[in-house]
Every structure is written in structure tokens, then in C-alpha cells.
Amino acid sequence: MIVLWKNVQRPLTPQEADGNFEDLDGRLAQLESGLAVEGIGEITVEGDVMTIIGDRGTQYGAFQLPAPLEHAGGWQPESAYGVRDVVGHDGASYYCLQNHTSSADFDADLADGKWALLADRGEDGDPAQAIAWRGDWDVATAYVQGDGVAHNGKLYVALTATTGSEPPSEYWEALGDIVSGTPKLGDLADVDLESNGLFDGDILVYDEASGAWVAAEPPSGGGGGAATVEFSSTFLGKPTAGGLVAQYVAAADWLELLAAESSAYANTPVGAGGSTVSFDVLVDDTVVGTIDFAPESKWGSFNVSGFPTVQPSGVVQVVAPDPADPDLADISVTLRFFRTA
């Protein structure tokens, strides 16, 4: 029994206070012992409706799931938009709140409550950090901060104004190696081709025991244990209409192109008002698919059916569209192949 001040009209004794706590503790323990905890037995989703069934058979729901957002590209005037469409405008992303046909002024539609901000535009970068491509380094050329050059197989950017200072030096920051064309064993002055039995296209690893470069063993296991071959190439600048962007010449192996594991990246993407740009992928002069760059996207999407076969000495090429896009530039392509024989 709980003793209350209003009933006794005096301060409670220590014994009465302790008794009150003991009484409350007993009542809580009794309540807890009678609770039945139910876990999740099954979750079902049908369309956009989710239902949860407890392990004691209790149904919770149905719950309406939110509809997915639909990417609609860059905002355009006089265009039909639906609820939850997402558009890009002036560097920011917005999602549609009302079904409507856009006016000629995005800001007016935004003020009318037809759009809500999804992701704001980031801060503008420091113009001084932009790289101005100047081609191969030249001893007589005066360079300024941010100038980019190629020299002895590497890319550099100038950290300050300089003339005659050959990279690498305190005036230059190395950006990475230039990957161009297909490496050949004959280009490697420190590899003994006769004693090691190497062939163009082999993946080389350094064997510390013999102090020599040797061909890597293909992985063992399912699928015959054939290795994959990777080729990367970077095209600096804007490709010409119908121009070659990347080329790979197969060695003495039969290969299959793994489009799903290949990638393409454009450092300067298609402009917001542009259209999707498609580069042809050719195997021995036959088009087997495309690499598609959507507006404002730096990553290309490979649209290649199946696994095109490349025979020994076969040629794989990536060719720019005709006409060329005025914005798209600095394109890196990585192709992965499955070595079948």
C-alpha cells in the first residue's frame, strides 16, 4: 500500500518512503511479466503497399510506400511534368509537387509552388584551380598557375608561373601517368623476352625469387580459370567528328568484351541543354554497341549486347559521333575482356 502525504497530513517516515518504492517496483514487475513481445514474421510488398505480419499472426498495415523519383533531365519550358519528376536547373535539383506544363520562366513556376528544392547548387570552385591544357611541355614556353602539360609519359599542372623548369620540379604537381595505346613488351627495356617466354597481352608480375618479370598465372576455379584483361586510354581535349578516341589491339588470345565491367568518364560532360551523345564501339570495323553520355553526366553508359568476341590481333575501337558535341571533352575509357583461350 502506498502512503500519501495528503492522507496522513505529515511528512513521511523513511520506512514509509521505502515502502512506497517497494510497492511501485512490485507493480512494475507484475506489468512486465504480463507483456507479450511479438516479433516480425513476414513482410510482403505488393506494388507500392507494404504489410507486416507478426510471428503471433498480428497484421500491421497496409502501409503506402512513397513513389520513386523520376529523373526528367534539365528543366525545359513548355514541357509536361508530373508529381515527383526531378529536374536540374542552374546547378540545383528540384522535384515536382504538381502535375503541370511549365511556363517560360522556371522561377515563376517555383514561386507558384510547382517545384521544391531537392539539392542546392554547390559553391563555385576557385577559377585558379582550373587546369588549362597546354599540350607537351616546352622549355621556351612561359606557363602560369593552372597550366597543364604532358612530359615523359606523365601529366603535370603548374603550381606557379614558370619558364624553363622541366617537370618534375617544385613548380609542377604530378597528376598521373598518360595511358595511351597498347603497351608492347618491346617497350620494356628491362625485360628479357627470350628467357621469360612472355607475349604481348600478358599480365606481368615481379618474381622476387628469380629477380625477373613473369607472366601472371590465370586464376583457378570455376569457369575454366581464364583471366581478365584490362585496357585504359585517356583522350585529352575535344574529339573530332568521327575521330578515334580509344583503340585496343588484342594479342594472341581470344577475348570477350565485358561491357558491364567496362567504364567511360568525361571530365567535361555534355551541357545541360544538349542531347545524349553516343560513341560507337567497334570490333574489327563492325559496330557492336555504343557508349552513351547523358547531358550533365560525366559517366558513360555501355549499351552493348552480349559478349562481343575479339579474335587474336583483333582491333577494338571507340569512335566519336559525327557531328561532335561542342562540350564533351577529356574522355577516359577502360575496357575489360575475358580471356577465353
Protein backbone atom coordinates (compact mmCIF):
# COMPACT_ATOMS: atom_id res chain seq x y z
CA MET A 1 0.00 0.00 0.00
CA ILE A 2 1.32 3.42 -0.96
CA VAL A 3 1.30 6.05 1.81
CA LEU A 4 0.40 9.56 0.57
CA TRP A 5 1.07 12.85 2.37
CA LYS A 6 -2.45 14.07 1.60
CA ASN A 7 -3.82 11.10 3.54
CA VAL A 8 -1.63 11.35 6.64
CA GLN A 9 -1.06 15.17 6.64
CA ARG A 10 2.54 14.87 7.81
CA PRO A 11 5.99 14.19 6.37
CA LEU A 12 6.52 10.51 5.51
CA THR A 13 8.87 8.49 7.64
CA PRO A 14 11.90 6.81 5.97
CA GLN A 15 10.19 3.48 6.37
CA GLU A 16 7.05 4.74 4.61
CA ALA A 17 9.09 6.22 1.71
CA ASP A 18 10.96 2.93 1.23
CA GLY A 19 7.68 1.08 1.35
CA ASN A 20 6.27 3.26 -1.42
CA PHE A 21 9.23 2.47 -3.71
CA GLU A 22 8.99 -1.24 -2.97
CA ASP A 23 5.27 -1.17 -3.77
CA LEU A 24 5.84 0.60 -7.10
CA ASP A 25 8.66 -1.79 -8.02
CA GLY A 26 6.42 -4.78 -7.41
CA ARG A 27 3.61 -3.33 -9.54
CA LEU A 28 6.04 -2.68 -12.47
CA ALA A 29 7.43 -6.21 -12.28
CA GLN A 30 3.90 -7.58 -12.42
CA LEU A 31 3.11 -5.50 -15.51
CA GLU A 32 6.29 -6.55 -17.30
CA SER A 33 5.64 -10.22 -16.72
CA GLY A 34 2.30 -9.93 -18.48
CA LEU A 35 3.61 -8.26 -21.63
CA ALA A 36 3.80 -10.39 -24.80
CA VAL A 37 6.56 -9.33 -27.22
CA GLU A 38 5.77 -10.07 -30.86
CA GLY A 39 8.49 -10.28 -33.48
CA ILE A 40 8.30 -9.86 -37.25
CA GLY A 41 7.20 -13.00 -39.03
CA GLU A 42 6.80 -11.82 -42.63
CA ILE A 43 6.97 -8.62 -44.69
CA THR A 44 5.12 -8.52 -48.00
CA VAL A 45 5.21 -5.79 -50.64
CA GLU A 46 2.66 -5.68 -53.44
CA GLY A 47 3.12 -2.75 -55.76
CA ASP A 48 3.56 0.28 -53.51
CA VAL A 49 1.84 -1.30 -50.45
CA MET A 50 3.75 -2.99 -47.60
CA THR A 51 2.20 -5.29 -44.97
CA ILE A 52 3.93 -6.68 -41.86
CA ILE A 53 2.74 -9.94 -40.22
CA GLY A 54 3.93 -10.60 -36.66
CA ASP A 55 5.12 -14.04 -35.55
CA ARG A 56 1.92 -14.30 -33.48
CA GLY A 57 -0.24 -13.62 -36.54
CA THR A 58 -0.97 -9.92 -35.92
CA GLN A 59 -1.17 -7.83 -39.12
CA TYR A 60 0.31 -4.34 -39.18
CA GLY A 61 -0.55 -2.18 -42.17
CA ALA A 62 -1.07 -1.96 -45.03
CA PHE A 63 1.40 0.93 -45.39
CA GLN A 64 1.58 3.09 -48.52
CA LEU A 65 5.16 3.30 -49.77
CA PRO A 66 6.36 6.57 -51.34
CA ALA A 67 6.53 6.63 -55.12
CA PRO A 68 10.06 6.75 -56.59
CA LEU A 69 11.50 9.95 -58.00
CA GLU A 70 11.69 10.13 -61.81
CA HIS A 71 14.72 11.83 -63.38
CA ALA A 72 13.50 14.16 -66.15
CA GLY A 73 16.79 15.78 -67.19
CA GLY A 74 17.30 19.51 -67.36
CA TRP A 75 14.24 21.74 -66.90
CA GLN A 76 12.63 22.84 -70.18
CA PRO A 77 9.93 25.48 -70.81
CA GLU A 78 6.53 24.48 -72.22
CA SER A 79 7.01 20.85 -71.12
CA ALA A 80 4.71 18.49 -69.23
CA TYR A 81 5.89 17.44 -65.74
CA GLY A 82 4.33 15.06 -63.23
CA VAL A 83 4.46 14.80 -59.46
CA ARG A 84 7.90 13.57 -58.24
CA ASP A 85 9.68 14.33 -61.51
CA VAL A 86 13.21 15.57 -60.77
CA VAL A 87 14.90 18.18 -62.97
CA GLY A 88 18.15 20.09 -62.95
CA HIS A 89 18.21 23.87 -63.24
CA ASP A 90 21.05 26.35 -62.75
CA GLY A 91 23.20 23.76 -60.97
CA ALA A 92 20.48 22.68 -58.47
CA SER A 93 17.96 19.79 -58.46
CA TYR A 94 14.22 20.16 -57.92
CA TYR A 95 11.29 17.73 -57.62
CA CYS A 96 7.80 18.37 -58.94
CA LEU A 97 4.91 18.94 -56.50
CA GLN A 98 2.10 19.43 -59.05
CA ASN A 99 1.26 17.99 -62.44
CA HIS A 100 1.68 20.92 -64.82
CA THR A 101 3.00 22.25 -68.11
CA SER A 102 5.96 24.51 -67.45
CA SER A 103 5.87 28.19 -68.29
CA ALA A 104 8.68 30.12 -69.94
CA ASP A 105 10.11 31.10 -66.53
CA PHE A 106 11.31 28.47 -64.05
CA ASP A 107 11.45 30.95 -61.16
CA ALA A 108 7.78 31.78 -61.70
CA ASP A 109 6.83 28.09 -61.52
CA LEU A 110 8.96 27.71 -58.39
CA ALA A 111 7.20 30.67 -56.74
CA ASP A 112 3.82 29.10 -57.63
CA GLY A 113 4.69 26.01 -55.56
CA LYS A 114 5.13 23.66 -58.51
CA TRP A 115 8.70 22.72 -57.55
CA ALA A 116 10.62 22.10 -54.33
CA LEU A 117 14.38 22.20 -53.89
CA LEU A 118 15.94 18.74 -53.69
CA ALA A 119 19.67 19.56 -53.75
CA ASP A 120 21.12 23.06 -53.92
CA ARG A 121 23.95 24.13 -56.16
CA GLY A 122 27.39 23.81 -54.61
CA GLU A 123 29.80 26.67 -54.20
CA ASP A 124 31.69 27.75 -57.30
CA GLY A 125 35.24 26.46 -57.40
CA ASP A 126 38.28 28.68 -57.39
CA PRO A 127 38.98 29.62 -61.02
CA ALA A 128 42.66 29.50 -60.19
CA GLN A 129 42.31 25.73 -59.70
CA ALA A 130 41.01 25.10 -63.24
CA ILE A 131 43.52 23.32 -65.50
CA ALA A 132 44.25 24.92 -68.88
CA TRP A 133 45.66 22.25 -71.18
CA ARG A 134 48.87 23.47 -72.91
CA GLY A 135 49.99 20.24 -74.61
CA ASP A 136 53.55 18.88 -74.37
CA TRP A 137 55.92 20.78 -72.07
CA ASP A 138 58.22 23.19 -73.90
CA VAL A 139 61.35 24.72 -72.42
CA ALA A 140 60.71 28.12 -74.03
CA THR A 141 57.03 28.47 -73.09
CA ALA A 142 56.01 30.73 -70.21
CA TYR A 143 53.49 28.86 -68.01
CA VAL A 144 51.16 30.27 -65.35
CA GLN A 145 49.46 28.65 -62.37
CA GLY A 146 46.92 26.07 -63.50
CA ASP A 147 48.54 25.27 -66.87
CA GLY A 148 48.57 21.55 -67.62
CA VAL A 149 51.27 19.81 -69.66
CA ALA A 150 52.40 16.33 -70.67
CA HIS A 151 56.05 15.33 -70.27
CA ASN A 152 57.83 11.97 -70.38
CA GLY A 153 54.62 9.96 -70.09
CA LYS A 154 53.14 11.94 -67.19
CA LEU A 155 50.69 14.80 -66.70
CA TYR A 156 51.59 17.87 -64.63
CA VAL A 157 49.87 21.08 -63.51
CA ALA A 158 51.80 24.29 -62.82
CA LEU A 159 51.76 25.41 -59.19
CA THR A 160 53.08 28.88 -60.05
CA ALA A 161 54.41 30.85 -63.03
CA THR A 162 57.46 29.19 -64.55
CA THR A 163 59.58 29.16 -67.69
CA GLY A 164 62.22 26.56 -68.46
CA SER A 165 61.71 24.48 -65.30
CA GLU A 166 61.39 20.90 -66.52
CA PRO A 167 58.84 18.68 -64.71
CA PRO A 168 59.14 17.19 -62.19
CA SER A 169 60.20 20.14 -60.04
CA GLU A 170 58.91 22.37 -57.25
CA TYR A 171 56.99 24.34 -59.90
CA TRP A 172 54.90 21.35 -61.00
CA GLU A 173 52.48 18.88 -59.40
CA ALA A 174 52.24 15.41 -60.95
CA LEU A 175 48.68 14.35 -61.81
CA GLY A 176 49.36 10.83 -63.05
CA ASP A 177 50.59 8.71 -65.92
CA ILE A 178 49.42 9.08 -69.51
CA VAL A 179 47.76 5.85 -70.66
CA SER A 180 47.71 5.76 -74.43
CA GLY A 181 47.64 2.94 -76.94
CA THR A 182 48.56 -0.68 -76.19
CA PRO A 183 51.82 -1.37 -74.28
CA LYS A 184 54.18 -3.77 -76.02
CA LEU A 185 56.88 -5.90 -74.43
CA GLY A 186 59.40 -4.35 -76.78
CA ASP A 187 58.88 -1.05 -74.98
CA LEU A 188 60.22 -2.54 -71.73
CA ALA A 189 63.99 -2.22 -71.82
CA ASP A 190 64.46 -4.22 -68.59
CA VAL A 191 62.53 -7.34 -69.68
CA ASP A 192 64.39 -10.32 -71.15
CA LEU A 193 61.86 -11.58 -73.71
CA GLU A 194 63.73 -14.73 -74.72
CA SER A 195 64.39 -16.22 -71.29
CA ASN A 196 60.96 -15.47 -69.79
CA GLY A 197 58.79 -16.60 -72.70
CA LEU A 198 56.49 -13.59 -72.50
CA PHE A 199 53.95 -12.45 -75.07
CA ASP A 200 52.16 -9.18 -75.81
CA GLY A 201 48.99 -9.04 -73.70
CA ASP A 202 50.44 -10.98 -70.74
CA ILE A 203 49.88 -9.52 -67.28
CA LEU A 204 53.31 -9.14 -65.67
CA VAL A 205 54.21 -9.62 -62.00
CA TYR A 206 57.65 -9.31 -60.42
CA ASP A 207 59.04 -12.60 -59.09
CA GLU A 208 61.43 -11.78 -56.23
CA ALA A 209 62.86 -15.29 -56.17
CA SER A 210 64.15 -15.09 -59.75
CA GLY A 211 64.52 -11.31 -59.85
CA ALA A 212 62.55 -11.15 -63.11
CA TRP A 213 59.18 -10.17 -64.53
CA VAL A 214 56.99 -13.20 -65.31
CA ALA A 215 53.51 -13.78 -66.70
CA ALA A 216 50.83 -13.85 -64.02
CA GLU A 217 49.06 -17.17 -63.62
CA PRO A 218 45.35 -17.04 -64.52
CA PRO A 219 43.07 -17.55 -61.51
CA SER A 220 41.96 -21.10 -60.79
CA GLY A 221 38.42 -22.25 -60.14
CA GLY A 222 35.06 -22.18 -61.89
CA GLY A 223 34.58 -21.09 -65.46
CA GLY A 224 37.86 -22.60 -66.66
CA GLY A 225 40.03 -20.15 -64.71
CA ALA A 226 40.59 -17.72 -67.61
CA ALA A 227 41.98 -14.31 -66.69
CA THR A 228 40.57 -10.91 -67.46
CA VAL A 229 42.46 -8.31 -69.48
CA GLU A 230 42.05 -4.58 -68.86
CA PHE A 231 42.89 -1.70 -71.20
CA SER A 232 42.69 2.00 -70.32
CA SER A 233 43.10 5.06 -72.51
CA THR A 234 42.64 8.81 -71.97
CA PHE A 235 41.82 11.22 -74.80
CA LEU A 236 42.68 14.79 -73.82
CA GLY A 237 40.68 17.63 -75.37
CA LYS A 238 37.58 17.50 -77.57
CA PRO A 239 37.37 14.62 -80.08
CA THR A 240 36.79 15.47 -83.73
CA ALA A 241 33.67 14.27 -85.54
CA GLY A 242 34.09 10.55 -86.24
CA GLY A 243 37.55 10.62 -84.68
CA LEU A 244 39.25 7.78 -82.82
CA VAL A 245 39.04 8.11 -79.03
CA ALA A 246 40.50 4.73 -77.95
CA GLN A 247 41.94 1.67 -79.66
CA TYR A 248 42.99 -1.74 -78.34
CA VAL A 249 44.75 -4.43 -80.39
CA ALA A 250 44.34 -7.94 -79.00
CA ALA A 251 47.38 -10.20 -78.59
CA ALA A 252 47.50 -13.93 -79.31
CA ASP A 253 44.30 -14.66 -77.37
CA TRP A 254 40.58 -14.96 -78.00
CA LEU A 255 38.75 -12.40 -75.85
CA GLU A 256 35.18 -11.46 -74.95
CA LEU A 257 34.31 -7.81 -74.20
CA LEU A 258 32.79 -7.41 -70.72
CA ALA A 259 30.72 -4.26 -71.21
CA ALA A 260 29.21 -4.49 -67.73
CA GLU A 261 32.70 -4.25 -66.17
CA SER A 262 33.96 -1.53 -68.55
CA SER A 263 33.68 2.19 -67.89
CA ALA A 264 33.88 5.58 -69.58
CA TYR A 265 34.31 9.00 -67.98
CA ALA A 266 34.24 12.52 -69.45
CA ASN A 267 35.92 15.20 -67.36
CA THR A 268 33.85 17.81 -69.23
CA PRO A 269 30.28 16.48 -69.75
CA VAL A 270 27.58 17.31 -72.26
CA GLY A 271 25.92 20.66 -71.46
CA ALA A 272 22.57 20.89 -69.68
CA GLY A 273 20.75 21.87 -72.87
CA GLY A 274 22.35 19.18 -75.00
CA SER A 275 21.26 15.72 -76.06
CA THR A 276 22.65 12.28 -75.26
CA VAL A 277 25.94 11.71 -77.11
CA SER A 278 26.78 8.19 -78.32
CA PHE A 279 30.25 6.87 -79.16
CA ASP A 280 30.38 3.76 -81.38
CA VAL A 281 32.19 0.67 -80.08
CA LEU A 282 33.65 -1.34 -82.98
CA VAL A 283 35.29 -4.75 -83.18
CA ASP A 284 37.20 -5.17 -86.45
CA ASP A 285 35.25 -2.27 -88.04
CA THR A 286 31.86 -3.73 -87.03
CA VAL A 287 29.72 -1.69 -84.61
CA VAL A 288 28.84 -3.87 -81.60
CA GLY A 289 27.32 -1.17 -79.38
CA THR A 290 27.62 2.35 -78.05
CA ILE A 291 28.84 4.33 -75.04
CA ASP A 292 26.14 6.89 -74.19
CA PHE A 293 26.76 10.15 -72.29
CA ALA A 294 23.60 11.85 -71.00
CA PRO A 295 23.51 15.65 -70.52
CA GLU A 296 25.37 16.81 -67.38
CA SER A 297 26.57 13.25 -66.65
CA LYS A 298 30.30 12.56 -66.56
CA TRP A 299 29.85 8.75 -66.64
CA GLY A 300 29.07 6.96 -69.89
CA SER A 301 26.71 4.01 -70.12
CA PHE A 302 27.76 0.98 -72.17
CA ASN A 303 24.98 -0.24 -74.47
CA VAL A 304 26.46 -3.47 -75.81
CA SER A 305 24.52 -6.71 -76.32
CA GLY A 306 26.07 -9.96 -75.11
CA PHE A 307 29.83 -10.50 -75.07
CA PRO A 308 31.37 -9.50 -78.42
CA THR A 309 34.25 -11.77 -79.41
CA VAL A 310 37.67 -10.35 -80.25
CA GLN A 311 39.96 -12.68 -82.20
CA PRO A 312 43.76 -12.70 -81.91
CA SER A 313 45.15 -9.45 -83.38
CA GLY A 314 41.59 -8.11 -83.49
CA VAL A 315 41.05 -4.38 -83.08
CA VAL A 316 38.58 -2.74 -80.66
CA GLN A 317 37.90 0.95 -81.25
CA VAL A 318 35.83 3.71 -79.63
CA VAL A 319 34.84 6.35 -82.19
CA ALA A 320 33.38 9.82 -81.58
CA PRO A 321 29.99 10.73 -83.07
CA ASP A 322 29.53 12.84 -86.18
CA PRO A 323 28.76 15.66 -85.60
CA ALA A 324 30.83 16.02 -82.41
CA ASP A 325 29.36 17.52 -79.24
CA PRO A 326 30.66 21.07 -78.58
CA ASP A 327 31.18 20.46 -74.84
CA LEU A 328 32.22 16.84 -74.27
CA ALA A 329 35.98 16.57 -73.65
CA ASP A 330 38.80 14.73 -71.84
CA ILE A 331 37.43 11.19 -72.15
CA SER A 332 38.85 8.17 -70.32
CA VAL A 333 37.84 4.67 -71.43
CA THR A 334 38.55 1.42 -69.58
CA LEU A 335 37.71 -1.84 -71.38
CA ARG A 336 37.72 -5.22 -69.64
CA PHE A 337 37.91 -8.51 -71.52
CA PHE A 338 37.54 -12.17 -70.60
CA ARG A 339 40.39 -14.30 -71.93
CA THR A 340 38.74 -17.41 -73.38
CA ALA A 341 41.77 -19.08 -74.99
